[in-house]
Amino acid sequence: MNAALAFAAGFLWLIAANLIGMFPSKDYHWSNAYKLVAVGLPILIWIALANGLIWAGVFLAAAGSVLRWPLLHAWRWLKQFIA
């Protein structure tokens, strides 16, 4: 039951993220991206604990396809500190 609820929460998050992305925004969706990340990280941890790391990776890839610009900016920010 817990695993099914984790998947349901993940699917609802993905649907909500896609719907939010369809509406116009003055700040290019950055405020919405922060909110989605704040809600999505606990769901990712929940999926990892309930279903395993492989399914958490699948959810992370799906979330990364929705939030690709914040992911790209985070990657660039990390590269600054590494290099």
PDB file of N, CA and C in Angstrom:
ATOM      1  N   MET A   1       0.814  -1.196   0.000  1.00  0.00           N
ATOM      2  CA  MET A   1       0.000   0.000   0.000  1.00  0.00           C
ATOM      3  C   MET A   1       0.858   1.260   0.000  1.00  0.00           C
ATOM      4  N   ASN A   2       1.924   1.262   0.805  1.00  0.00           N
ATOM      5  CA  ASN A   2       2.803   2.418   0.881  1.00  0.00           C
ATOM      6  C   ASN A   2       3.510   2.666  -0.447  1.00  0.00           C
ATOM      7  N   ALA A   3       3.894   1.590  -1.116  1.00  0.00           N
ATOM      8  CA  ALA A   3       4.567   1.734  -2.408  1.00  0.00           C
ATOM      9  C   ALA A   3       3.614   2.303  -3.460  1.00  0.00           C
ATOM     10  N   ALA A   4       2.377   1.872  -3.430  1.00  0.00           N
ATOM     11  CA  ALA A   4       1.397   2.392  -4.388  1.00  0.00           C
ATOM     12  C   ALA A   4       1.098   3.866  -4.126  1.00  0.00           C
ATOM     13  N   LEU A   5       1.055   4.269  -2.869  1.00  0.00           N
ATOM     14  CA  LEU A   5       0.827   5.681  -2.548  1.00  0.00           C
ATOM     15  C   LEU A   5       1.998   6.543  -2.984  1.00  0.00           C
ATOM     16  N   ALA A   6       3.200   6.018  -2.854  1.00  0.00           N
ATOM     17  CA  ALA A   6       4.374   6.769  -3.297  1.00  0.00           C
ATOM     18  C   ALA A   6       4.331   6.975  -4.807  1.00  0.00           C
ATOM     19  N   PHE A   7       3.984   5.927  -5.549  1.00  0.00           N
ATOM     20  CA  PHE A   7       3.853   6.068  -6.999  1.00  0.00           C
ATOM     21  C   PHE A   7       2.742   7.049  -7.361  1.00  0.00           C
ATOM     22  N   ALA A   8       1.626   6.974  -6.655  1.00  0.00           N
ATOM     23  CA  ALA A   8       0.508   7.881  -6.937  1.00  0.00           C
ATOM     24  C   ALA A   8       0.912   9.328  -6.690  1.00  0.00           C
ATOM     25  N   ALA A   9       1.644   9.574  -5.602  1.00  0.00           N
ATOM     26  CA  ALA A   9       2.110  10.929  -5.314  1.00  0.00           C
ATOM     27  C   ALA A   9       3.076  11.402  -6.400  1.00  0.00           C
ATOM     28  N   GLY A  10       3.935  10.510  -6.862  1.00  0.00           N
ATOM     29  CA  GLY A  10       4.863  10.866  -7.934  1.00  0.00           C
ATOM     30  C   GLY A  10       4.146  11.190  -9.238  1.00  0.00           C
ATOM     31  N   PHE A  11       3.157  10.382  -9.578  1.00  0.00           N
ATOM     32  CA  PHE A  11       2.403  10.644 -10.809  1.00  0.00           C
ATOM     33  C   PHE A  11       1.601  11.938 -10.708  1.00  0.00           C
ATOM     34  N   LEU A  12       1.014  12.200  -9.540  1.00  0.00           N
ATOM     35  CA  LEU A  12       0.293  13.454  -9.355  1.00  0.00           C
ATOM     36  C   LEU A  12       1.233  14.653  -9.465  1.00  0.00           C
ATOM     37  N   TRP A  13       2.440  14.507  -8.916  1.00  0.00           N
ATOM     38  CA  TRP A  13       3.424  15.586  -9.024  1.00  0.00           C
ATOM     39  C   TRP A  13       3.787  15.831 -10.484  1.00  0.00           C
ATOM     40  N   LEU A  14       3.991  14.772 -11.245  1.00  0.00           N
ATOM     41  CA  LEU A  14       4.335  14.923 -12.661  1.00  0.00           C
ATOM     42  C   LEU A  14       3.198  15.576 -13.446  1.00  0.00           C
ATOM     43  N   ILE A  15       1.969  15.185 -13.164  1.00  0.00           N
ATOM     44  CA  ILE A  15       0.826  15.798 -13.851  1.00  0.00           C
ATOM     45  C   ILE A  15       0.714  17.271 -13.480  1.00  0.00           C
ATOM     46  N   ALA A  16       0.853  17.576 -12.186  1.00  0.00           N
ATOM     47  CA  ALA A  16       0.772  18.976 -11.750  1.00  0.00           C
ATOM     48  C   ALA A  16       1.897  19.804 -12.362  1.00  0.00           C
ATOM     49  N   ALA A  17       3.095  19.255 -12.428  1.00  0.00           N
ATOM     50  CA  ALA A  17       4.223  19.988 -13.010  1.00  0.00           C
ATOM     51  C   ALA A  17       3.985  20.270 -14.487  1.00  0.00           C
ATOM     52  N   ASN A  18       3.446  19.318 -15.198  1.00  0.00           N
ATOM     53  CA  ASN A  18       3.152  19.546 -16.613  1.00  0.00           C
ATOM     54  C   ASN A  18       2.038  20.563 -16.806  1.00  0.00           C
ATOM     55  N   LEU A  19       1.019  20.516 -15.969  1.00  0.00           N
ATOM     56  CA  LEU A  19      -0.064  21.497 -16.065  1.00  0.00           C
ATOM     57  C   LEU A  19       0.433  22.897 -15.729  1.00  0.00           C
ATOM     58  N   ILE A  20       1.265  23.022 -14.715  1.00  0.00           N
ATOM     59  CA  ILE A  20       1.827  24.325 -14.355  1.00  0.00           C
ATOM     60  C   ILE A  20       2.677  24.864 -15.501  1.00  0.00           C
ATOM     61  N   GLY A  21       3.399  23.993 -16.162  1.00  0.00           N
ATOM     62  CA  GLY A  21       4.237  24.414 -17.278  1.00  0.00           C
ATOM     63  C   GLY A  21       3.461  24.893 -18.491  1.00  0.00           C
ATOM     64  N   MET A  22       2.200  24.513 -18.595  1.00  0.00           N
ATOM     65  CA  MET A  22       1.398  24.922 -19.743  1.00  0.00           C
ATOM     66  C   MET A  22       0.862  26.343 -19.626  1.00  0.00           C
ATOM     67  N   PHE A  23       0.768  26.856 -18.400  1.00  0.00           N
ATOM     68  CA  PHE A  23       0.223  28.194 -18.205  1.00  0.00           C
ATOM     69  C   PHE A  23       1.313  29.241 -18.335  1.00  0.00           C
ATOM     70  N   PRO A  24       0.966  30.422 -18.864  1.00  0.00           N
ATOM     71  CA  PRO A  24       1.974  31.473 -18.987  1.00  0.00           C
ATOM     72  C   PRO A  24       2.393  32.009 -17.617  1.00  0.00           C
ATOM     73  N   SER A  25       3.634  32.480 -17.565  1.00  0.00           N
ATOM     74  CA  SER A  25       4.171  33.006 -16.321  1.00  0.00           C
ATOM     75  C   SER A  25       5.081  34.184 -16.618  1.00  0.00           C
ATOM     76  N   LYS A  26       5.050  35.197 -15.762  1.00  0.00           N
ATOM     77  CA  LYS A  26       5.866  36.386 -15.986  1.00  0.00           C
ATOM     78  C   LYS A  26       7.334  36.171 -15.642  1.00  0.00           C
ATOM     79  N   ASP A  27       7.606  35.273 -14.702  1.00  0.00           N
ATOM     80  CA  ASP A  27       8.991  35.041 -14.292  1.00  0.00           C
ATOM     81  C   ASP A  27       9.566  33.751 -14.901  1.00  0.00           C
ATOM     82  N   TYR A  28       9.007  33.336 -16.026  1.00  0.00           N
ATOM     83  CA  TYR A  28       9.463  32.144 -16.758  1.00  0.00           C
ATOM     84  C   TYR A  28       9.422  30.885 -15.886  1.00  0.00           C
ATOM     85  N   HIS A  29       8.448  30.813 -15.006  1.00  0.00           N
ATOM     86  CA  HIS A  29       8.164  29.631 -14.183  1.00  0.00           C
ATOM     87  C   HIS A  29       9.190  29.367 -13.098  1.00  0.00           C
ATOM     88  N   TRP A  30      10.071  30.294 -12.787  1.00  0.00           N
ATOM     89  CA  TRP A  30      11.085  30.023 -11.764  1.00  0.00           C
ATOM     90  C   TRP A  30      10.467  29.887 -10.381  1.00  0.00           C
ATOM     91  N   SER A  31       9.489  30.717 -10.042  1.00  0.00           N
ATOM     92  CA  SER A  31       8.860  30.589  -8.719  1.00  0.00           C
ATOM     93  C   SER A  31       8.131  29.255  -8.595  1.00  0.00           C
ATOM     94  N   ASN A  32       7.512  28.822  -9.675  1.00  0.00           N
ATOM     95  CA  ASN A  32       6.845  27.520  -9.664  1.00  0.00           C
ATOM     96  C   ASN A  32       7.859  26.384  -9.589  1.00  0.00           C
ATOM     97  N   ALA A  33       9.011  26.551 -10.225  1.00  0.00           N
ATOM     98  CA  ALA A  33      10.037  25.513 -10.187  1.00  0.00           C
ATOM     99  C   ALA A  33      10.550  25.314  -8.768  1.00  0.00           C
ATOM    100  N   TYR A  34      10.734  26.406  -8.020  1.00  0.00           N
ATOM    101  CA  TYR A  34      11.176  26.283  -6.631  1.00  0.00           C
ATOM    102  C   TYR A  34      10.155  25.518  -5.796  1.00  0.00           C
ATOM    103  N   LYS A  35       8.882  25.806  -6.010  1.00  0.00           N
ATOM    104  CA  LYS A  35       7.828  25.102  -5.274  1.00  0.00           C
ATOM    105  C   LYS A  35       7.775  23.631  -5.666  1.00  0.00           C
ATOM    106  N   LEU A  36       7.926  23.355  -6.946  1.00  0.00           N
ATOM    107  CA  LEU A  36       7.895  21.964  -7.401  1.00  0.00           C
ATOM    108  C   LEU A  36       9.076  21.167  -6.858  1.00  0.00           C
ATOM    109  N   VAL A  37      10.237  21.783  -6.793  1.00  0.00           N
ATOM    110  CA  VAL A  37      11.401  21.101  -6.224  1.00  0.00           C
ATOM    111  C   VAL A  37      11.187  20.845  -4.735  1.00  0.00           C
ATOM    112  N   ALA A  38      10.621  21.829  -4.029  1.00  0.00           N
ATOM    113  CA  ALA A  38      10.379  21.671  -2.592  1.00  0.00           C
ATOM    114  C   ALA A  38       9.389  20.546  -2.301  1.00  0.00           C
ATOM    115  N   VAL A  39       8.438  20.327  -3.185  1.00  0.00           N
ATOM    116  CA  VAL A  39       7.474  19.243  -2.998  1.00  0.00           C
ATOM    117  C   VAL A  39       8.013  17.936  -3.579  1.00  0.00           C
ATOM    118  N   GLY A  40       8.783  18.025  -4.660  1.00  0.00           N
ATOM    119  CA  GLY A  40       9.247  16.825  -5.350  1.00  0.00           C
ATOM    120  C   GLY A  40      10.346  16.059  -4.631  1.00  0.00           C
ATOM    121  N   LEU A  41      11.207  16.752  -3.904  1.00  0.00           N
ATOM    122  CA  LEU A  41      12.292  16.045  -3.202  1.00  0.00           C
ATOM    123  C   LEU A  41      11.784  15.080  -2.131  1.00  0.00           C
ATOM    124  N   PRO A  42      10.827  15.475  -1.284  1.00  0.00           N
ATOM    125  CA  PRO A  42      10.296  14.471  -0.347  1.00  0.00           C
ATOM    126  C   PRO A  42       9.599  13.305  -1.047  1.00  0.00           C
ATOM    127  N   ILE A  43       8.938  13.582  -2.160  1.00  0.00           N
ATOM    128  CA  ILE A  43       8.302  12.495  -2.909  1.00  0.00           C
ATOM    129  C   ILE A  43       9.372  11.565  -3.472  1.00  0.00           C
ATOM    130  N   LEU A  44      10.472  12.121  -3.968  1.00  0.00           N
ATOM    131  CA  LEU A  44      11.576  11.301  -4.472  1.00  0.00           C
ATOM    132  C   LEU A  44      12.140  10.410  -3.370  1.00  0.00           C
ATOM    133  N   ILE A  45      12.332  10.963  -2.189  1.00  0.00           N
ATOM    134  CA  ILE A  45      12.844  10.168  -1.066  1.00  0.00           C
ATOM    135  C   ILE A  45      11.836   9.095  -0.674  1.00  0.00           C
ATOM    136  N   TRP A  46      10.563   9.438  -0.692  1.00  0.00           N
ATOM    137  CA  TRP A  46       9.514   8.472  -0.363  1.00  0.00           C
ATOM    138  C   TRP A  46       9.508   7.323  -1.365  1.00  0.00           C
ATOM    139  N   ILE A  47       9.623   7.647  -2.639  1.00  0.00           N
ATOM    140  CA  ILE A  47       9.656   6.598  -3.664  1.00  0.00           C
ATOM    141  C   ILE A  47      10.894   5.725  -3.482  1.00  0.00           C
ATOM    142  N   ALA A  48      12.030   6.339  -3.153  1.00  0.00           N
ATOM    143  CA  ALA A  48      13.255   5.564  -2.952  1.00  0.00           C
ATOM    144  C   ALA A  48      13.122   4.615  -1.761  1.00  0.00           C
ATOM    145  N   LEU A  49      12.524   5.078  -0.690  1.00  0.00           N
ATOM    146  CA  LEU A  49      12.377   4.232   0.495  1.00  0.00           C
ATOM    147  C   LEU A  49      11.338   3.133   0.281  1.00  0.00           C
ATOM    148  N   ALA A  50      10.266   3.452  -0.423  1.00  0.00           N
ATOM    149  CA  ALA A  50       9.184   2.484  -0.586  1.00  0.00           C
ATOM    150  C   ALA A  50       9.423   1.502  -1.724  1.00  0.00           C
ATOM    151  N   ASN A  51      10.083   1.952  -2.807  1.00  0.00           N
ATOM    152  CA  ASN A  51      10.173   1.126  -4.011  1.00  0.00           C
ATOM    153  C   ASN A  51      11.597   0.808  -4.447  1.00  0.00           C
ATOM    154  N   GLY A  52      12.573   1.478  -3.908  1.00  0.00           N
ATOM    155  CA  GLY A  52      13.952   1.201  -4.283  1.00  0.00           C
ATOM    156  C   GLY A  52      14.551   2.304  -5.138  1.00  0.00           C
ATOM    157  N   LEU A  53      15.859   2.208  -5.293  1.00  0.00           N
ATOM    158  CA  LEU A  53      16.605   3.252  -5.989  1.00  0.00           C
ATOM    159  C   LEU A  53      16.351   3.276  -7.493  1.00  0.00           C
ATOM    160  N   ILE A  54      16.025   2.143  -8.080  1.00  0.00           N
ATOM    161  CA  ILE A  54      15.777   2.123  -9.526  1.00  0.00           C
ATOM    162  C   ILE A  54      14.534   2.950  -9.858  1.00  0.00           C
ATOM    163  N   TRP A  55      13.450   2.755  -9.095  1.00  0.00           N
ATOM    164  CA  TRP A  55      12.236   3.528  -9.346  1.00  0.00           C
ATOM    165  C   TRP A  55      12.420   4.991  -8.978  1.00  0.00           C
ATOM    166  N   ALA A  56      13.238   5.252  -7.973  1.00  0.00           N
ATOM    167  CA  ALA A  56      13.548   6.648  -7.649  1.00  0.00           C
ATOM    168  C   ALA A  56      14.324   7.290  -8.793  1.00  0.00           C
ATOM    169  N   GLY A  57      15.205   6.543  -9.423  1.00  0.00           N
ATOM    170  CA  GLY A  57      15.926   7.056 -10.591  1.00  0.00           C
ATOM    171  C   GLY A  57      15.002   7.319 -11.765  1.00  0.00           C
ATOM    172  N   VAL A  58      14.006   6.462 -11.941  1.00  0.00           N
ATOM    173  CA  VAL A  58      13.021   6.676 -13.012  1.00  0.00           C
ATOM    174  C   VAL A  58      12.229   7.954 -12.741  1.00  0.00           C
ATOM    175  N   PHE A  59      11.816   8.136 -11.489  1.00  0.00           N
ATOM    176  CA  PHE A  59      11.088   9.364 -11.141  1.00  0.00           C
ATOM    177  C   PHE A  59      11.992  10.584 -11.286  1.00  0.00           C
ATOM    178  N   LEU A  60      13.250  10.465 -10.903  1.00  0.00           N
ATOM    179  CA  LEU A  60      14.183  11.578 -11.038  1.00  0.00           C
ATOM    180  C   LEU A  60      14.387  11.952 -12.501  1.00  0.00           C
ATOM    181  N   ALA A  61      14.472  10.966 -13.382  1.00  0.00           N
ATOM    182  CA  ALA A  61      14.604  11.249 -14.813  1.00  0.00           C
ATOM    183  C   ALA A  61      13.340  11.922 -15.358  1.00  0.00           C
ATOM    184  N   ALA A  62      12.174  11.454 -14.924  1.00  0.00           N
ATOM    185  CA  ALA A  62      10.930  12.084 -15.369  1.00  0.00           C
ATOM    186  C   ALA A  62      10.814  13.511 -14.839  1.00  0.00           C
ATOM    187  N   ALA A  63      11.185  13.716 -13.588  1.00  0.00           N
ATOM    188  CA  ALA A  63      11.148  15.066 -13.014  1.00  0.00           C
ATOM    189  C   ALA A  63      12.183  15.961 -13.682  1.00  0.00           C
ATOM    190  N   GLY A  64      13.329  15.396 -14.023  1.00  0.00           N
ATOM    191  CA  GLY A  64      14.356  16.170 -14.719  1.00  0.00           C
ATOM    192  C   GLY A  64      13.922  16.586 -16.110  1.00  0.00           C
ATOM    193  N   SER A  65      13.080  15.788 -16.747  1.00  0.00           N
ATOM    194  CA  SER A  65      12.597  16.181 -18.066  1.00  0.00           C
ATOM    195  C   SER A  65      11.599  17.330 -17.965  1.00  0.00           C
ATOM    196  N   VAL A  66      10.894  17.423 -16.846  1.00  0.00           N
ATOM    197  CA  VAL A  66       9.959  18.521 -16.643  1.00  0.00           C
ATOM    198  C   VAL A  66      10.707  19.777 -16.189  1.00  0.00           C
ATOM    199  N   LEU A  67      11.633  19.616 -15.273  1.00  0.00           N
ATOM    200  CA  LEU A  67      12.386  20.741 -14.701  1.00  0.00           C
ATOM    201  C   LEU A  67      13.788  20.805 -15.289  1.00  0.00           C
ATOM    202  N   ARG A  68      13.891  20.826 -16.600  1.00  0.00           N
ATOM    203  CA  ARG A  68      15.207  20.744 -17.225  1.00  0.00           C
ATOM    204  C   ARG A  68      16.042  22.004 -17.038  1.00  0.00           C
ATOM    205  N   TRP A  69      15.444  23.196 -17.014  1.00  0.00           N
ATOM    206  CA  TRP A  69      16.249  24.410 -16.853  1.00  0.00           C
ATOM    207  C   TRP A  69      16.798  24.556 -15.441  1.00  0.00           C
ATOM    208  N   PRO A  70      16.019  24.318 -14.398  1.00  0.00           N
ATOM    209  CA  PRO A  70      16.636  24.342 -13.068  1.00  0.00           C
ATOM    210  C   PRO A  70      17.720  23.283 -12.910  1.00  0.00           C
ATOM    211  N   LEU A  71      17.529  22.134 -13.540  1.00  0.00           N
ATOM    212  CA  LEU A  71      18.542  21.089 -13.488  1.00  0.00           C
ATOM    213  C   LEU A  71      19.815  21.514 -14.215  1.00  0.00           C
ATOM    214  N   LEU A  72      19.669  22.175 -15.350  1.00  0.00           N
ATOM    215  CA  LEU A  72      20.827  22.674 -16.084  1.00  0.00           C
ATOM    216  C   LEU A  72      21.572  23.747 -15.295  1.00  0.00           C
ATOM    217  N   HIS A  73      20.839  24.646 -14.688  1.00  0.00           N
ATOM    218  CA  HIS A  73      21.483  25.693 -13.887  1.00  0.00           C
ATOM    219  C   HIS A  73      22.163  25.108 -12.658  1.00  0.00           C
ATOM    220  N   ALA A  74      21.572  24.107 -12.030  1.00  0.00           N
ATOM    221  CA  ALA A  74      22.218  23.444 -10.894  1.00  0.00           C
ATOM    222  C   ALA A  74      23.495  22.744 -11.339  1.00  0.00           C
ATOM    223  N   TRP A  75      23.472  22.117 -12.514  1.00  0.00           N
ATOM    224  CA  TRP A  75      24.661  21.456 -13.046  1.00  0.00           C
ATOM    225  C   TRP A  75      25.784  22.461 -13.299  1.00  0.00           C
ATOM    226  N   ARG A  76      25.448  23.608 -13.886  1.00  0.00           N
ATOM    227  CA  ARG A  76      26.453  24.644 -14.139  1.00  0.00           C
ATOM    228  C   ARG A  76      27.008  25.187 -12.829  1.00  0.00           C
ATOM    229  N   TRP A  77      26.150  25.362 -11.827  1.00  0.00           N
ATOM    230  CA  TRP A  77      26.581  25.859 -10.535  1.00  0.00           C
ATOM    231  C   TRP A  77      27.534  24.883  -9.860  1.00  0.00           C
ATOM    232  N   LEU A  78      27.241  23.582  -9.952  1.00  0.00           N
ATOM    233  CA  LEU A  78      28.127  22.579  -9.381  1.00  0.00           C
ATOM    234  C   LEU A  78      29.461  22.514 -10.129  1.00  0.00           C
ATOM    235  N   LYS A  79      29.421  22.690 -11.455  1.00  0.00           N
ATOM    236  CA  LYS A  79      30.657  22.657 -12.239  1.00  0.00           C
ATOM    237  C   LYS A  79      31.588  23.795 -11.868  1.00  0.00           C
ATOM    238  N   GLN A  80      31.057  24.933 -11.447  1.00  0.00           N
ATOM    239  CA  GLN A  80      31.890  26.041 -11.021  1.00  0.00           C
ATOM    240  C   GLN A  80      32.726  25.668  -9.809  1.00  0.00           C
ATOM    241  N   PHE A  81      32.140  24.943  -8.880  1.00  0.00           N
ATOM    242  CA  PHE A  81      32.854  24.588  -7.664  1.00  0.00           C
ATOM    243  C   PHE A  81      33.811  23.431  -7.885  1.00  0.00           C
ATOM    244  N   ILE A  82      33.514  22.563  -8.807  1.00  0.00           N
ATOM    245  CA  ILE A  82      34.384  21.406  -9.068  1.00  0.00           C
ATOM    246  C   ILE A  82      35.612  21.842  -9.872  1.00  0.00           C
ATOM    247  N   ALA A  83      35.409  22.674 -10.887  1.00  0.00           N
ATOM    248  CA  ALA A  83      36.516  23.057 -11.756  1.00  0.00           C
ATOM    249  C   ALA A  83      37.260  24.275 -11.257  1.00  0.00           C
TER     250      ALA A  83
END
